Every structure is written in structure tokens, then in C-alpha cells.
């Protein structure tokens, strides 16, 4: 079965940086869109950044100019470089992939386990 494994979360000070990684493993034919979401206590899970198979990107207004999403197709990995972090960025971050399994035709949605990012003031 396909798994998305996240890493890179942690505790940083206001203005610090973190780099999140999410790697898809298993029998994968192709990966289409990859995205990062986040969810803070008492709030909904919101889209942070997205990247298509062709490399086109989109960002939430709250992170534009500070976060960068990228992907390495050879490694089935998506990254989120987070700079100038602020306390309001504190949340659990989830990666997402829309992909087709080996031998399949249709794409399905998969989620990572989530990784905690905490930014102290």
C-alpha cells in the first residue's frame, strides 16, 4: 500500500526556519498534485501550498513570500521550506498526494501522518 511519510517538524523561535519533507512509497505509477495543509487547534485544515506535476505552484496568502513548495519526482518527495516563521504558523502540517498506483488507471488521495510545527514568540 502507498504511504506518505513526513519529517522535519519541530520547535523554532519567531523568525526561524524549518524544512518539511514528505516521501511517498509503495507501488506508484505516477504522482499528480502534491500539497501541504495545516491545522491549528480549534481551526479547520487549510491549504498552505500546492504544486502540480508540471511544477506550477500556489500559496495561501498568509505564507506568500515566506514558504516555498518544491518536489523531486525522482524521489517521490515534496518539500516545504518555511522561512521567517511566526507564532501564527503553529499547527500540525499534513502532506497530500494525488496519485495512481501501479497497474491502476484512476488517481486517489493520500495523506501523510502529520508533523507538528511550533513557533515560539
PDB file of N, CA and C in Angstrom:
ATOM      1  N   UNK A   1       0.835  -1.197   0.000  1.00  0.00           N
ATOM      2  CA  UNK A   1       0.000   0.000   0.000  1.00  0.00           C
ATOM      3  C   UNK A   1       0.870   1.247   0.000  1.00  0.00           C
ATOM      4  N   UNK A   2       0.326   2.317  -0.510  1.00  0.00           N
ATOM      5  CA  UNK A   2       1.029   3.586  -0.569  1.00  0.00           C
ATOM      6  C   UNK A   2       1.059   4.221   0.810  1.00  0.00           C
ATOM      7  N   UNK A   3       2.193   4.799   1.158  1.00  0.00           N
ATOM      8  CA  UNK A   3       2.337   5.550   2.391  1.00  0.00           C
ATOM      9  C   UNK A   3       3.017   6.875   2.113  1.00  0.00           C
ATOM     10  N   UNK A   4       2.584   7.918   2.810  1.00  0.00           N
ATOM     11  CA  UNK A   4       3.240   9.211   2.787  1.00  0.00           C
ATOM     12  C   UNK A   4       3.839   9.449   4.164  1.00  0.00           C
ATOM     13  N   UNK A   5       5.149   9.596   4.235  1.00  0.00           N
ATOM     14  CA  UNK A   5       5.847   9.765   5.499  1.00  0.00           C
ATOM     15  C   UNK A   5       6.446  11.151   5.566  1.00  0.00           C
ATOM     16  N   UNK A   6       6.080  11.907   6.610  1.00  0.00           N
ATOM     17  CA  UNK A   6       6.534  13.273   6.784  1.00  0.00           C
ATOM     18  C   UNK A   6       7.665  13.351   7.800  1.00  0.00           C
ATOM     19  N   UNK A   7       8.490  14.372   7.652  1.00  0.00           N
ATOM     20  CA  UNK A   7       9.546  14.648   8.610  1.00  0.00           C
ATOM     21  C   UNK A   7       9.907  16.125   8.544  1.00  0.00           C
ATOM     22  N   UNK A   8      10.619  16.603   9.561  1.00  0.00           N
ATOM     23  CA  UNK A   8      11.141  17.956   9.543  1.00  0.00           C
ATOM     24  C   UNK A   8      10.479  18.934  10.490  1.00  0.00           C
ATOM     25  N   UNK A   9       9.400  18.538  11.143  1.00  0.00           N
ATOM     26  CA  UNK A   9       8.749  19.427  12.081  1.00  0.00           C
ATOM     27  C   UNK A   9       9.577  19.620  13.339  1.00  0.00           C
ATOM     28  N   UNK A  10       9.181  20.589  14.151  1.00  0.00           N
ATOM     29  CA  UNK A  10       9.897  20.848  15.385  1.00  0.00           C
ATOM     30  C   UNK A  10       9.526  22.179  15.992  1.00  0.00           C
ATOM     31  N   UNK A  11      10.348  22.605  16.940  1.00  0.00           N
ATOM     32  CA  UNK A  11      10.153  23.855  17.659  1.00  0.00           C
ATOM     33  C   UNK A  11      11.202  24.867  17.222  1.00  0.00           C
ATOM     34  N   UNK A  12      10.750  26.045  16.813  1.00  0.00           N
ATOM     35  CA  UNK A  12      11.658  27.113  16.407  1.00  0.00           C
ATOM     36  C   UNK A  12      11.192  28.432  17.005  1.00  0.00           C
ATOM     37  N   UNK A  13      12.099  29.398  17.029  1.00  0.00           N
ATOM     38  CA  UNK A  13      11.768  30.736  17.502  1.00  0.00           C
ATOM     39  C   UNK A  13      11.154  31.566  16.386  1.00  0.00           C
ATOM     40  N   UNK A  14      10.456  32.595  16.786  1.00  0.00           N
ATOM     41  CA  UNK A  14       9.908  33.561  15.841  1.00  0.00           C
ATOM     42  C   UNK A  14      11.016  34.028  14.892  1.00  0.00           C
ATOM     43  N   UNK A  15      10.761  33.919  13.590  1.00  0.00           N
ATOM     44  CA  UNK A  15      11.747  34.306  12.594  1.00  0.00           C
ATOM     45  C   UNK A  15      12.633  33.177  12.115  1.00  0.00           C
ATOM     46  N   UNK A  16      12.508  32.008  12.704  1.00  0.00           N
ATOM     47  CA  UNK A  16      13.325  30.872  12.324  1.00  0.00           C
ATOM     48  C   UNK A  16      12.816  30.164  11.087  1.00  0.00           C
ATOM     49  N   UNK A  17      13.489  29.063  10.742  1.00  0.00           N
ATOM     50  CA  UNK A  17      13.172  28.318   9.528  1.00  0.00           C
ATOM     51  C   UNK A  17      13.087  26.826   9.803  1.00  0.00           C
ATOM     52  N   UNK A  18      12.274  26.153   9.019  1.00  0.00           N
ATOM     53  CA  UNK A  18      12.169  24.704   9.021  1.00  0.00           C
ATOM     54  C   UNK A  18      11.941  24.231   7.598  1.00  0.00           C
ATOM     55  N   UNK A  19      12.351  22.997   7.330  1.00  0.00           N
ATOM     56  CA  UNK A  19      12.116  22.388   6.028  1.00  0.00           C
ATOM     57  C   UNK A  19      11.407  21.060   6.234  1.00  0.00           C
ATOM     58  N   UNK A  20      10.175  20.973   5.767  1.00  0.00           N
ATOM     59  CA  UNK A  20       9.398  19.753   5.865  1.00  0.00           C
ATOM     60  C   UNK A  20       9.591  18.901   4.616  1.00  0.00           C
ATOM     61  N   UNK A  21       9.590  17.586   4.804  1.00  0.00           N
ATOM     62  CA  UNK A  21       9.688  16.649   3.701  1.00  0.00           C
ATOM     63  C   UNK A  21       8.558  15.639   3.792  1.00  0.00           C
ATOM     64  N   UNK A  22       8.111  15.170   2.654  1.00  0.00           N
ATOM     65  CA  UNK A  22       7.093  14.133   2.597  1.00  0.00           C
ATOM     66  C   UNK A  22       7.415  13.220   1.430  1.00  0.00           C
ATOM     67  N   UNK A  23       7.627  11.949   1.726  1.00  0.00           N
ATOM     68  CA  UNK A  23       8.011  10.980   0.713  1.00  0.00           C
ATOM     69  C   UNK A  23       6.935   9.913   0.555  1.00  0.00           C
ATOM     70  N   UNK A  24       6.544   9.680  -0.673  1.00  0.00           N
ATOM     71  CA  UNK A  24       5.577   8.639  -0.988  1.00  0.00           C
ATOM     72  C   UNK A  24       6.310   7.344  -1.327  1.00  0.00           C
ATOM     73  N   UNK A  25       5.865   6.249  -0.741  1.00  0.00           N
ATOM     74  CA  UNK A  25       6.472   4.953  -1.004  1.00  0.00           C
ATOM     75  C   UNK A  25       5.391   3.949  -1.367  1.00  0.00           C
ATOM     76  N   UNK A  26       5.805   2.853  -1.997  1.00  0.00           N
ATOM     77  CA  UNK A  26       4.879   1.832  -2.431  1.00  0.00           C
ATOM     78  C   UNK A  26       4.909   1.669  -3.934  1.00  0.00           C
ATOM     79  N   UNK A  27       3.951   0.933  -4.444  1.00  0.00           N
ATOM     80  CA  UNK A  27       3.859   0.685  -5.884  1.00  0.00           C
ATOM     81  C   UNK A  27       3.093   1.830  -6.524  1.00  0.00           C
ATOM     82  N   UNK A  28       3.832   2.800  -7.028  1.00  0.00           N
ATOM     83  CA  UNK A  28       3.260   4.026  -7.557  1.00  0.00           C
ATOM     84  C   UNK A  28       3.535   4.125  -9.045  1.00  0.00           C
ATOM     85  N   UNK A  29       2.494   4.391  -9.793  1.00  0.00           N
ATOM     86  CA  UNK A  29       2.643   4.603 -11.228  1.00  0.00           C
ATOM     87  C   UNK A  29       3.013   6.048 -11.534  1.00  0.00           C
ATOM     88  N   UNK A  30       2.280   6.978 -10.931  1.00  0.00           N
ATOM     89  CA  UNK A  30       2.541   8.387 -11.160  1.00  0.00           C
ATOM     90  C   UNK A  30       1.941   9.199 -10.028  1.00  0.00           C
ATOM     91  N   UNK A  31       2.507  10.376  -9.795  1.00  0.00           N
ATOM     92  CA  UNK A  31       2.002  11.307  -8.802  1.00  0.00           C
ATOM     93  C   UNK A  31       1.609  12.592  -9.502  1.00  0.00           C
ATOM     94  N   UNK A  32       0.395  13.015  -9.268  1.00  0.00           N
ATOM     95  CA  UNK A  32      -0.089  14.238  -9.885  1.00  0.00           C
ATOM     96  C   UNK A  32       0.159  15.419  -8.936  1.00  0.00           C
ATOM     97  N   UNK A  33      -0.885  15.988  -8.379  1.00  0.00           N
ATOM     98  CA  UNK A  33      -0.716  17.124  -7.480  1.00  0.00           C
ATOM     99  C   UNK A  33      -0.168  16.688  -6.131  1.00  0.00           C
ATOM    100  N   UNK A  34       0.652  17.539  -5.526  1.00  0.00           N
ATOM    101  CA  UNK A  34       1.117  17.359  -4.160  1.00  0.00           C
ATOM    102  C   UNK A  34       0.857  18.670  -3.429  1.00  0.00           C
ATOM    103  N   UNK A  35       0.434  18.567  -2.176  1.00  0.00           N
ATOM    104  CA  UNK A  35       0.033  19.749  -1.428  1.00  0.00           C
ATOM    105  C   UNK A  35       0.439  19.639   0.036  1.00  0.00           C
ATOM    106  N   UNK A  36       0.494  20.786   0.687  1.00  0.00           N
ATOM    107  CA  UNK A  36       0.663  20.869   2.128  1.00  0.00           C
ATOM    108  C   UNK A  36      -0.542  21.580   2.726  1.00  0.00           C
ATOM    109  N   UNK A  37      -1.091  21.007   3.794  1.00  0.00           N
ATOM    110  CA  UNK A  37      -2.159  21.594   4.567  1.00  0.00           C
ATOM    111  C   UNK A  37      -1.675  21.779   6.000  1.00  0.00           C
ATOM    112  N   UNK A  38      -2.399  22.593   6.762  1.00  0.00           N
ATOM    113  CA  UNK A  38      -2.097  22.708   8.179  1.00  0.00           C
ATOM    114  C   UNK A  38      -3.386  22.898   8.965  1.00  0.00           C
ATOM    115  N   UNK A  39      -3.326  22.485  10.230  1.00  0.00           N
ATOM    116  CA  UNK A  39      -4.487  22.585  11.097  1.00  0.00           C
ATOM    117  C   UNK A  39      -4.035  22.947  12.502  1.00  0.00           C
ATOM    118  N   UNK A  40      -4.507  24.085  12.988  1.00  0.00           N
ATOM    119  CA  UNK A  40      -4.246  24.530  14.342  1.00  0.00           C
ATOM    120  C   UNK A  40      -5.416  24.123  15.231  1.00  0.00           C
ATOM    121  N   UNK A  41      -5.198  24.020  16.552  1.00  0.00           N
ATOM    122  CA  UNK A  41      -6.284  23.641  17.456  1.00  0.00           C
ATOM    123  C   UNK A  41      -7.493  24.552  17.304  1.00  0.00           C
ATOM    124  N   UNK A  42      -8.661  23.942  17.162  1.00  0.00           N
ATOM    125  CA  UNK A  42      -9.889  24.696  17.037  1.00  0.00           C
ATOM    126  C   UNK A  42     -10.138  25.289  15.667  1.00  0.00           C
ATOM    127  N   UNK A  43      -9.271  24.993  14.706  1.00  0.00           N
ATOM    128  CA  UNK A  43      -9.430  25.537  13.371  1.00  0.00           C
ATOM    129  C   UNK A  43      -9.524  24.424  12.337  1.00  0.00           C
ATOM    130  N   UNK A  44      -9.943  24.788  11.147  1.00  0.00           N
ATOM    131  CA  UNK A  44     -10.073  23.832  10.061  1.00  0.00           C
ATOM    132  C   UNK A  44      -8.712  23.514   9.447  1.00  0.00           C
ATOM    133  N   UNK A  45      -8.687  22.442   8.664  1.00  0.00           N
ATOM    134  CA  UNK A  45      -7.484  22.084   7.925  1.00  0.00           C
ATOM    135  C   UNK A  45      -7.466  22.879   6.622  1.00  0.00           C
ATOM    136  N   UNK A  46      -6.480  23.743   6.472  1.00  0.00           N
ATOM    137  CA  UNK A  46      -6.440  24.677   5.360  1.00  0.00           C
ATOM    138  C   UNK A  46      -5.248  24.413   4.453  1.00  0.00           C
ATOM    139  N   UNK A  47      -5.435  24.696   3.193  1.00  0.00           N
ATOM    140  CA  UNK A  47      -4.365  24.549   2.210  1.00  0.00           C
ATOM    141  C   UNK A  47      -3.294  25.609   2.439  1.00  0.00           C
ATOM    142  N   UNK A  48      -2.040  25.184   2.458  1.00  0.00           N
ATOM    143  CA  UNK A  48      -0.903  26.078   2.607  1.00  0.00           C
ATOM    144  C   UNK A  48      -0.225  26.324   1.271  1.00  0.00           C
ATOM    145  N   UNK A  49       0.060  25.255   0.544  1.00  0.00           N
ATOM    146  CA  UNK A  49       0.756  25.357  -0.732  1.00  0.00           C
ATOM    147  C   UNK A  49       0.452  24.134  -1.572  1.00  0.00           C
ATOM    148  N   UNK A  50       0.514  24.299  -2.881  1.00  0.00           N
ATOM    149  CA  UNK A  50       0.243  23.205  -3.806  1.00  0.00           C
ATOM    150  C   UNK A  50       1.206  23.279  -4.973  1.00  0.00           C
ATOM    151  N   UNK A  51       1.497  22.116  -5.548  1.00  0.00           N
ATOM    152  CA  UNK A  51       2.367  22.055  -6.710  1.00  0.00           C
ATOM    153  C   UNK A  51       1.856  20.964  -7.640  1.00  0.00           C
ATOM    154  N   UNK A  52       1.786  21.262  -8.920  1.00  0.00           N
ATOM    155  CA  UNK A  52       1.321  20.306  -9.908  1.00  0.00           C
ATOM    156  C   UNK A  52       2.470  19.439 -10.388  1.00  0.00           C
ATOM    157  N   UNK A  53       2.136  18.429 -11.180  1.00  0.00           N
ATOM    158  CA  UNK A  53       3.171  17.572 -11.745  1.00  0.00           C
ATOM    159  C   UNK A  53       4.106  18.350 -12.657  1.00  0.00           C
ATOM    160  N   UNK A  54       3.617  19.442 -13.235  1.00  0.00           N
ATOM    161  CA  UNK A  54       4.430  20.272 -14.101  1.00  0.00           C
ATOM    162  C   UNK A  54       5.217  21.348 -13.385  1.00  0.00           C
ATOM    163  N   UNK A  55       5.033  21.469 -12.066  1.00  0.00           N
ATOM    164  CA  UNK A  55       5.802  22.422 -11.288  1.00  0.00           C
ATOM    165  C   UNK A  55       5.121  23.742 -11.002  1.00  0.00           C
ATOM    166  N   UNK A  56       3.882  23.918 -11.432  1.00  0.00           N
ATOM    167  CA  UNK A  56       3.157  25.143 -11.111  1.00  0.00           C
ATOM    168  C   UNK A  56       2.789  25.155  -9.635  1.00  0.00           C
ATOM    169  N   UNK A  57       2.903  26.316  -8.991  1.00  0.00           N
ATOM    170  CA  UNK A  57       2.684  26.412  -7.550  1.00  0.00           C
ATOM    171  C   UNK A  57       1.629  27.441  -7.205  1.00  0.00           C
ATOM    172  N   UNK A  58       0.998  27.231  -6.053  1.00  0.00           N
ATOM    173  CA  UNK A  58       0.058  28.175  -5.470  1.00  0.00           C
ATOM    174  C   UNK A  58       0.260  28.195  -3.966  1.00  0.00           C
ATOM    175  N   UNK A  59       0.025  29.358  -3.347  1.00  0.00           N
ATOM    176  CA  UNK A  59       0.242  29.535  -1.925  1.00  0.00           C
ATOM    177  C   UNK A  59      -0.926  30.268  -1.292  1.00  0.00           C
ATOM    178  N   UNK A  60      -1.182  29.940  -0.038  1.00  0.00           N
ATOM    179  CA  UNK A  60      -2.108  30.734   0.741  1.00  0.00           C
ATOM    180  C   UNK A  60      -1.530  32.130   0.942  1.00  0.00           C
ATOM    181  N   UNK A  61      -2.391  33.128   0.986  1.00  0.00           N
ATOM    182  CA  UNK A  61      -1.921  34.500   1.140  1.00  0.00           C
ATOM    183  C   UNK A  61      -1.072  34.679   2.399  1.00  0.00           C
ATOM    184  N   UNK A  62      -1.388  33.949   3.440  1.00  0.00           N
ATOM    185  CA  UNK A  62      -0.704  34.111   4.708  1.00  0.00           C
ATOM    186  C   UNK A  62       0.755  33.662   4.688  1.00  0.00           C
ATOM    187  N   UNK A  63       1.152  32.877   3.677  1.00  0.00           N
ATOM    188  CA  UNK A  63       2.522  32.358   3.639  1.00  0.00           C
ATOM    189  C   UNK A  63       3.298  32.825   2.420  1.00  0.00           C
ATOM    190  N   UNK A  64       2.682  33.567   1.541  1.00  0.00           N
ATOM    191  CA  UNK A  64       3.369  34.038   0.341  1.00  0.00           C
ATOM    192  C   UNK A  64       4.593  34.866   0.711  1.00  0.00           C
ATOM    193  N   UNK A  65       5.688  34.590   0.031  1.00  0.00           N
ATOM    194  CA  UNK A  65       6.930  35.286   0.298  1.00  0.00           C
ATOM    195  C   UNK A  65       7.752  34.674   1.406  1.00  0.00           C
ATOM    196  N   UNK A  66       7.186  33.732   2.155  1.00  0.00           N
ATOM    197  CA  UNK A  66       7.897  33.106   3.259  1.00  0.00           C
ATOM    198  C   UNK A  66       8.097  31.602   3.049  1.00  0.00           C
ATOM    199  N   UNK A  67       7.118  30.939   2.441  1.00  0.00           N
ATOM    200  CA  UNK A  67       7.176  29.491   2.227  1.00  0.00           C
ATOM    201  C   UNK A  67       7.419  29.184   0.754  1.00  0.00           C
ATOM    202  N   UNK A  68       8.100  28.074   0.493  1.00  0.00           N
ATOM    203  CA  UNK A  68       8.337  27.614  -0.863  1.00  0.00           C
ATOM    204  C   UNK A  68       8.080  26.117  -0.943  1.00  0.00           C
ATOM    205  N   UNK A  69       7.210  25.713  -1.858  1.00  0.00           N
ATOM    206  CA  UNK A  69       6.947  24.299  -2.085  1.00  0.00           C
ATOM    207  C   UNK A  69       7.742  23.839  -3.303  1.00  0.00           C
ATOM    208  N   UNK A  70       8.277  22.637  -3.235  1.00  0.00           N
ATOM    209  CA  UNK A  70       9.018  22.068  -4.351  1.00  0.00           C
ATOM    210  C   UNK A  70       8.849  20.558  -4.327  1.00  0.00           C
ATOM    211  N   UNK A  71       9.244  19.907  -5.404  1.00  0.00           N
ATOM    212  CA  UNK A  71       9.142  18.452  -5.459  1.00  0.00           C
ATOM    213  C   UNK A  71      10.303  17.861  -6.226  1.00  0.00           C
ATOM    214  N   UNK A  72      10.641  16.642  -5.861  1.00  0.00           N
ATOM    215  CA  UNK A  72      11.667  15.872  -6.533  1.00  0.00           C
ATOM    216  C   UNK A  72      10.984  14.606  -7.028  1.00  0.00           C
ATOM    217  N   UNK A  73      10.647  14.583  -8.296  1.00  0.00           N
ATOM    218  CA  UNK A  73       9.883  13.465  -8.839  1.00  0.00           C
ATOM    219  C   UNK A  73      10.656  12.149  -8.798  1.00  0.00           C
ATOM    220  N   UNK A  74      11.973  12.217  -8.924  1.00  0.00           N
ATOM    221  CA  UNK A  74      12.784  11.009  -8.872  1.00  0.00           C
ATOM    222  C   UNK A  74      12.730  10.352  -7.501  1.00  0.00           C
ATOM    223  N   UNK A  75      12.476  11.151  -6.457  1.00  0.00           N
ATOM    224  CA  UNK A  75      12.418  10.646  -5.093  1.00  0.00           C
ATOM    225  C   UNK A  75      10.994  10.543  -4.560  1.00  0.00           C
ATOM    226  N   UNK A  76      10.006  10.895  -5.374  1.00  0.00           N
ATOM    227  CA  UNK A  76       8.603  10.908  -4.941  1.00  0.00           C
ATOM    228  C   UNK A  76       8.431  11.725  -3.664  1.00  0.00           C
ATOM    229  N   UNK A  77       9.064  12.879  -3.633  1.00  0.00           N
ATOM    230  CA  UNK A  77       9.111  13.690  -2.424  1.00  0.00           C
ATOM    231  C   UNK A  77       8.668  15.121  -2.704  1.00  0.00           C
ATOM    232  N   UNK A  78       7.917  15.680  -1.771  1.00  0.00           N
ATOM    233  CA  UNK A  78       7.546  17.086  -1.798  1.00  0.00           C
ATOM    234  C   UNK A  78       8.123  17.754  -0.561  1.00  0.00           C
ATOM    235  N   UNK A  79       8.574  18.992  -0.720  1.00  0.00           N
ATOM    236  CA  UNK A  79       9.191  19.741   0.365  1.00  0.00           C
ATOM    237  C   UNK A  79       8.410  21.022   0.624  1.00  0.00           C
ATOM    238  N   UNK A  80       8.533  21.518   1.839  1.00  0.00           N
ATOM    239  CA  UNK A  80       8.015  22.834   2.180  1.00  0.00           C
ATOM    240  C   UNK A  80       9.077  23.565   2.978  1.00  0.00           C
ATOM    241  N   UNK A  81       9.744  24.517   2.338  1.00  0.00           N
ATOM    242  CA  UNK A  81      10.718  25.357   3.009  1.00  0.00           C
ATOM    243  C   UNK A  81       9.982  26.522   3.650  1.00  0.00           C
ATOM    244  N   UNK A  82      10.100  26.648   4.962  1.00  0.00           N
ATOM    245  CA  UNK A  82       9.382  27.665   5.711  1.00  0.00           C
ATOM    246  C   UNK A  82      10.391  28.611   6.345  1.00  0.00           C
ATOM    247  N   UNK A  83      10.379  29.859   5.904  1.00  0.00           N
ATOM    248  CA  UNK A  83      11.273  30.882   6.424  1.00  0.00           C
ATOM    249  C   UNK A  83      10.476  31.965   7.140  1.00  0.00           C
ATOM    250  N   UNK A  84      11.169  32.711   7.997  1.00  0.00           N
ATOM    251  CA  UNK A  84      10.533  33.783   8.758  1.00  0.00           C
ATOM    252  C   UNK A  84       9.253  33.303   9.426  1.00  0.00           C
ATOM    253  N   UNK A  85       9.360  32.191  10.120  1.00  0.00           N
ATOM    254  CA  UNK A  85       8.192  31.614  10.779  1.00  0.00           C
ATOM    255  C   UNK A  85       7.658  32.524  11.875  1.00  0.00           C
ATOM    256  N   UNK A  86       6.353  32.499  12.037  1.00  0.00           N
ATOM    257  CA  UNK A  86       5.660  33.317  13.020  1.00  0.00           C
ATOM    258  C   UNK A  86       4.830  32.426  13.936  1.00  0.00           C
ATOM    259  N   UNK A  87       4.513  32.893  15.137  1.00  0.00           N
ATOM    260  CA  UNK A  87       3.701  32.070  16.045  1.00  0.00           C
ATOM    261  C   UNK A  87       2.389  31.600  15.422  1.00  0.00           C
ATOM    262  N   UNK A  88       1.798  32.394  14.570  1.00  0.00           N
ATOM    263  CA  UNK A  88       0.549  32.005  13.936  1.00  0.00           C
ATOM    264  C   UNK A  88       0.708  30.869  12.931  1.00  0.00           C
ATOM    265  N   UNK A  89       1.950  30.484  12.617  1.00  0.00           N
ATOM    266  CA  UNK A  89       2.197  29.328  11.767  1.00  0.00           C
ATOM    267  C   UNK A  89       2.141  28.019  12.546  1.00  0.00           C
ATOM    268  N   UNK A  90       2.049  28.088  13.859  1.00  0.00           N
ATOM    269  CA  UNK A  90       1.995  26.895  14.686  1.00  0.00           C
ATOM    270  C   UNK A  90       0.782  26.049  14.322  1.00  0.00           C
ATOM    271  N   UNK A  91       1.026  24.785  13.986  1.00  0.00           N
ATOM    272  CA  UNK A  91      -0.035  23.882  13.552  1.00  0.00           C
ATOM    273  C   UNK A  91       0.560  22.515  13.281  1.00  0.00           C
ATOM    274  N   UNK A  92      -0.316  21.549  13.061  1.00  0.00           N
ATOM    275  CA  UNK A  92       0.099  20.267  12.516  1.00  0.00           C
ATOM    276  C   UNK A  92       0.042  20.378  11.002  1.00  0.00           C
ATOM    277  N   UNK A  93       1.129  20.032  10.351  1.00  0.00           N
ATOM    278  CA  UNK A  93       1.223  20.134   8.901  1.00  0.00           C
ATOM    279  C   UNK A  93       1.073  18.754   8.273  1.00  0.00           C
ATOM    280  N   UNK A  94       0.207  18.668   7.270  1.00  0.00           N
ATOM    281  CA  UNK A  94      -0.086  17.413   6.585  1.00  0.00           C
ATOM    282  C   UNK A  94       0.266  17.524   5.109  1.00  0.00           C
ATOM    283  N   UNK A  95       0.932  16.514   4.586  1.00  0.00           N
ATOM    284  CA  UNK A  95       1.154  16.478   3.150  1.00  0.00           C
ATOM    285  C   UNK A  95       0.073  15.638   2.485  1.00  0.00           C
ATOM    286  N   UNK A  96      -0.077  15.863   1.206  1.00  0.00           N
ATOM    287  CA  UNK A  96      -1.141  15.251   0.413  1.00  0.00           C
ATOM    288  C   UNK A  96      -0.583  14.917  -0.959  1.00  0.00           C
ATOM    289  N   UNK A  97      -1.033  13.808  -1.508  1.00  0.00           N
ATOM    290  CA  UNK A  97      -0.652  13.450  -2.867  1.00  0.00           C
ATOM    291  C   UNK A  97      -1.829  12.825  -3.585  1.00  0.00           C
ATOM    292  N   UNK A  98      -2.022  13.237  -4.809  1.00  0.00           N
ATOM    293  CA  UNK A  98      -2.984  12.623  -5.705  1.00  0.00           C
ATOM    294  C   UNK A  98      -2.176  11.753  -6.658  1.00  0.00           C
ATOM    295  N   UNK A  99      -2.368  10.431  -6.591  1.00  0.00           N
ATOM    296  CA  UNK A  99      -1.504   9.544  -7.350  1.00  0.00           C
ATOM    297  C   UNK A  99      -2.239   8.330  -7.883  1.00  0.00           C
ATOM    298  N   UNK A 100      -1.582   7.668  -8.824  1.00  0.00           N
ATOM    299  CA  UNK A 100      -2.089   6.442  -9.431  1.00  0.00           C
ATOM    300  C   UNK A 100      -1.164   5.303  -9.027  1.00  0.00           C
ATOM    301  N   UNK A 101      -1.721   4.225  -8.515  1.00  0.00           N
ATOM    302  CA  UNK A 101      -0.925   3.069  -8.130  1.00  0.00           C
ATOM    303  C   UNK A 101      -0.534   2.250  -9.351  1.00  0.00           C
ATOM    304  N   UNK A 102       0.529   1.481  -9.215  1.00  0.00           N
ATOM    305  CA  UNK A 102       0.981   0.627 -10.309  1.00  0.00           C
ATOM    306  C   UNK A 102      -0.134  -0.315 -10.739  1.00  0.00           C
ATOM    307  N   UNK A 103      -0.346  -0.394 -12.042  1.00  0.00           N
ATOM    308  CA  UNK A 103      -1.396  -1.248 -12.572  1.00  0.00           C
ATOM    309  C   UNK A 103      -2.765  -0.614 -12.585  1.00  0.00           C
ATOM    310  N   UNK A 104      -2.880   0.583 -12.043  1.00  0.00           N
ATOM    311  CA  UNK A 104      -4.154   1.263 -11.970  1.00  0.00           C
ATOM    312  C   UNK A 104      -4.322   2.317 -13.039  1.00  0.00           C
ATOM    313  N   UNK A 105      -5.525   2.863 -13.084  1.00  0.00           N
ATOM    314  CA  UNK A 105      -5.856   3.901 -14.048  1.00  0.00           C
ATOM    315  C   UNK A 105      -6.294   5.189 -13.366  1.00  0.00           C
ATOM    316  N   UNK A 106      -7.015   5.077 -12.257  1.00  0.00           N
ATOM    317  CA  UNK A 106      -7.584   6.221 -11.581  1.00  0.00           C
ATOM    318  C   UNK A 106      -6.682   6.713 -10.462  1.00  0.00           C
ATOM    319  N   UNK A 107      -6.734   8.019 -10.220  1.00  0.00           N
ATOM    320  CA  UNK A 107      -5.957   8.614  -9.147  1.00  0.00           C
ATOM    321  C   UNK A 107      -6.761   8.634  -7.852  1.00  0.00           C
ATOM    322  N   UNK A 108      -6.033   8.593  -6.720  1.00  0.00           N
ATOM    323  CA  UNK A 108      -6.637   8.618  -5.399  1.00  0.00           C
ATOM    324  C   UNK A 108      -5.872   9.571  -4.499  1.00  0.00           C
ATOM    325  N   UNK A 109      -6.523   9.992  -3.436  1.00  0.00           N
ATOM    326  CA  UNK A 109      -5.946  10.933  -2.492  1.00  0.00           C
ATOM    327  C   UNK A 109      -5.303  10.203  -1.320  1.00  0.00           C
ATOM    328  N   UNK A 110      -4.090  10.603  -0.974  1.00  0.00           N
ATOM    329  CA  UNK A 110      -3.374  10.035   0.157  1.00  0.00           C
ATOM    330  C   UNK A 110      -2.856  11.155   1.042  1.00  0.00           C
ATOM    331  N   UNK A 111      -2.789  10.873   2.346  1.00  0.00           N
ATOM    332  CA  UNK A 111      -2.377  11.858   3.342  1.00  0.00           C
ATOM    333  C   UNK A 111      -1.210  11.338   4.170  1.00  0.00           C
ATOM    334  N   UNK A 112      -0.331  12.260   4.541  1.00  0.00           N
ATOM    335  CA  UNK A 112       0.711  11.942   5.493  1.00  0.00           C
ATOM    336  C   UNK A 112       0.161  11.908   6.904  1.00  0.00           C
ATOM    337  N   UNK A 113       1.016  11.506   7.851  1.00  0.00           N
ATOM    338  CA  UNK A 113       0.573  11.338   9.234  1.00  0.00           C
ATOM    339  C   UNK A 113       0.497  12.646  10.003  1.00  0.00           C
ATOM    340  N   UNK A 114       1.066  13.701   9.468  1.00  0.00           N
ATOM    341  CA  UNK A 114       1.101  14.983  10.137  1.00  0.00           C
ATOM    342  C   UNK A 114       2.382  15.169  10.933  1.00  0.00           C
ATOM    343  N   UNK A 115       2.887  16.387  10.943  1.00  0.00           N
ATOM    344  CA  UNK A 115       4.069  16.715  11.736  1.00  0.00           C
ATOM    345  C   UNK A 115       3.848  18.064  12.410  1.00  0.00           C
ATOM    346  N   UNK A 116       4.204  18.145  13.693  1.00  0.00           N
ATOM    347  CA  UNK A 116       3.946  19.341  14.483  1.00  0.00           C
ATOM    348  C   UNK A 116       5.003  20.401  14.218  1.00  0.00           C
ATOM    349  N   UNK A 117       4.546  21.615  13.954  1.00  0.00           N
ATOM    350  CA  UNK A 117       5.411  22.785  13.854  1.00  0.00           C
ATOM    351  C   UNK A 117       4.975  23.772  14.920  1.00  0.00           C
ATOM    352  N   UNK A 118       5.901  24.139  15.801  1.00  0.00           N
ATOM    353  CA  UNK A 118       5.613  25.081  16.868  1.00  0.00           C
ATOM    354  C   UNK A 118       6.588  26.246  16.790  1.00  0.00           C
ATOM    355  N   UNK A 119       6.062  27.453  16.756  1.00  0.00           N
ATOM    356  CA  UNK A 119       6.873  28.663  16.671  1.00  0.00           C
ATOM    357  C   UNK A 119       6.649  29.474  17.937  1.00  0.00           C
ATOM    358  N   UNK A 120       7.699  29.665  18.708  1.00  0.00           N
ATOM    359  CA  UNK A 120       7.605  30.402  19.955  1.00  0.00           C
ATOM    360  C   UNK A 120       7.799  31.886  19.710  1.00  0.00           C
ATOM    361  N   UNK A 121       7.178  32.692  20.559  1.00  0.00           N
ATOM    362  CA  UNK A 121       7.288  34.141  20.441  1.00  0.00           C
ATOM    363  C   UNK A 121       8.449  34.689  21.237  1.00  0.00           C
TER     364      UNK A 121
END
